[in-house]
Amino acid sequence: MTQVTVSSKYQVVIPREVRRQVPLKMGQRLLVVVKEGVITLLPDRPIGAFRGFLKGMKAGALREKKDRL
């Protein structure tokens, strides 16, 4: 597990080993999500980047609204 230090300006540096695993670009925006005291950074992607994401998924297996709790 990689650790980072929060600077006096509340900034952190994303370590090189993490940057190699995640395709980030300089100037790219990240969404900050806080849930139950855990901070998560998510790359902000345009909606067009998800085109074809569910390609090949069979819609017949989806439950009907009446079956949901």
C-alpha atoms as a PDB file:
ATOM      1  CA  MET A   1       0.000   0.000   0.000  1.00  0.00           C
ATOM      2  CA  THR A   2       1.351   3.387  -0.994  1.00  0.00           C
ATOM      3  CA  GLN A   3       1.302   6.332   1.405  1.00  0.00           C
ATOM      4  CA  VAL A   4       1.322  10.036   0.621  1.00  0.00           C
ATOM      5  CA  THR A   5       1.737  13.090   2.826  1.00  0.00           C
ATOM      6  CA  VAL A   6      -0.640  16.044   2.882  1.00  0.00           C
ATOM      7  CA  SER A   7       1.285  19.306   2.439  1.00  0.00           C
ATOM      8  CA  SER A   8       0.668  22.531   4.354  1.00  0.00           C
ATOM      9  CA  LYS A   9      -1.516  23.595   1.391  1.00  0.00           C
ATOM     10  CA  TYR A  10      -3.527  20.346   1.653  1.00  0.00           C
ATOM     11  CA  GLN A  11      -1.998  18.983  -1.568  1.00  0.00           C
ATOM     12  CA  VAL A  12      -0.893  15.420  -2.268  1.00  0.00           C
ATOM     13  CA  VAL A  13       1.288  13.945  -5.010  1.00  0.00           C
ATOM     14  CA  ILE A  14       0.049  10.843  -6.833  1.00  0.00           C
ATOM     15  CA  PRO A  15       2.981   8.403  -6.641  1.00  0.00           C
ATOM     16  CA  ARG A  16       4.683   7.253  -9.845  1.00  0.00           C
ATOM     17  CA  GLU A  17       3.683   3.599  -9.368  1.00  0.00           C
ATOM     18  CA  VAL A  18       0.016   4.641  -9.183  1.00  0.00           C
ATOM     19  CA  ARG A  19       0.319   6.940 -12.218  1.00  0.00           C
ATOM     20  CA  ARG A  20       1.746   4.037 -14.229  1.00  0.00           C
ATOM     21  CA  GLN A  21      -1.296   1.889 -13.425  1.00  0.00           C
ATOM     22  CA  VAL A  22      -3.890   4.588 -14.152  1.00  0.00           C
ATOM     23  CA  PRO A  23      -3.790   6.488 -17.465  1.00  0.00           C
ATOM     24  CA  LEU A  24      -3.822  10.074 -16.146  1.00  0.00           C
ATOM     25  CA  LYS A  25      -2.845  13.142 -18.161  1.00  0.00           C
ATOM     26  CA  MET A  26      -1.498  16.469 -16.962  1.00  0.00           C
ATOM     27  CA  GLY A  27      -4.358  18.872 -16.320  1.00  0.00           C
ATOM     28  CA  GLN A  28      -6.930  16.077 -16.108  1.00  0.00           C
ATOM     29  CA  ARG A  29      -9.680  16.638 -13.575  1.00  0.00           C
ATOM     30  CA  LEU A  30     -10.468  14.145 -10.829  1.00  0.00           C
ATOM     31  CA  LEU A  31     -13.738  13.788  -8.974  1.00  0.00           C
ATOM     32  CA  VAL A  32     -13.380  13.651  -5.194  1.00  0.00           C
ATOM     33  CA  VAL A  33     -15.859  11.322  -3.492  1.00  0.00           C
ATOM     34  CA  VAL A  34     -16.053  11.138   0.307  1.00  0.00           C
ATOM     35  CA  LYS A  35     -18.018   8.305   1.886  1.00  0.00           C
ATOM     36  CA  GLU A  36     -17.856   7.333   5.529  1.00  0.00           C
ATOM     37  CA  GLY A  37     -14.502   9.060   6.005  1.00  0.00           C
ATOM     38  CA  VAL A  38     -12.866   7.478   2.919  1.00  0.00           C
ATOM     39  CA  ILE A  39     -11.607   9.756   0.127  1.00  0.00           C
ATOM     40  CA  THR A  40     -11.699   8.353  -3.409  1.00  0.00           C
ATOM     41  CA  LEU A  41     -10.350  10.085  -6.538  1.00  0.00           C
ATOM     42  CA  LEU A  42     -12.076   9.201  -9.810  1.00  0.00           C
ATOM     43  CA  PRO A  43     -10.950  10.349 -13.258  1.00  0.00           C
ATOM     44  CA  ASP A  44     -13.572  12.667 -14.766  1.00  0.00           C
ATOM     45  CA  ARG A  45     -14.430  11.255 -18.190  1.00  0.00           C
ATOM     46  CA  PRO A  46     -16.803  12.686 -20.786  1.00  0.00           C
ATOM     47  CA  ILE A  47     -20.009  10.696 -21.300  1.00  0.00           C
ATOM     48  CA  GLY A  48     -18.856   9.807 -24.829  1.00  0.00           C
ATOM     49  CA  ALA A  49     -15.998   7.769 -23.345  1.00  0.00           C
ATOM     50  CA  PHE A  50     -18.552   5.209 -22.161  1.00  0.00           C
ATOM     51  CA  ARG A  51     -19.983   4.597 -25.630  1.00  0.00           C
ATOM     52  CA  GLY A  52     -20.115   0.865 -26.274  1.00  0.00           C
ATOM     53  CA  PHE A  53     -19.452   0.083 -22.606  1.00  0.00           C
ATOM     54  CA  LEU A  54     -22.356  -2.385 -22.449  1.00  0.00           C
ATOM     55  CA  LYS A  55     -22.019  -3.696 -25.986  1.00  0.00           C
ATOM     56  CA  GLY A  56     -23.113  -7.323 -26.187  1.00  0.00           C
ATOM     57  CA  MET A  57     -25.061  -7.253 -22.928  1.00  0.00           C
ATOM     58  CA  LYS A  58     -28.321  -9.212 -23.139  1.00  0.00           C
ATOM     59  CA  ALA A  59     -31.253  -7.085 -21.990  1.00  0.00           C
ATOM     60  CA  GLY A  60     -33.571 -10.083 -21.639  1.00  0.00           C
ATOM     61  CA  ALA A  61     -32.027 -11.079 -18.324  1.00  0.00           C
ATOM     62  CA  LEU A  62     -32.930  -7.767 -16.672  1.00  0.00           C
ATOM     63  CA  ARG A  63     -35.676  -7.884 -14.075  1.00  0.00           C
ATOM     64  CA  GLU A  64     -38.899  -6.032 -14.587  1.00  0.00           C
ATOM     65  CA  LYS A  65     -39.680  -3.025 -12.402  1.00  0.00           C
ATOM     66  CA  LYS A  66     -42.395  -4.981 -10.568  1.00  0.00           C
ATOM     67  CA  ASP A  67     -39.793  -7.561  -9.450  1.00  0.00           C
ATOM     68  CA  ARG A  68     -37.540  -4.998  -7.765  1.00  0.00           C
ATOM     69  CA  LEU A  69     -37.675  -4.432  -4.031  1.00  0.00           C
END
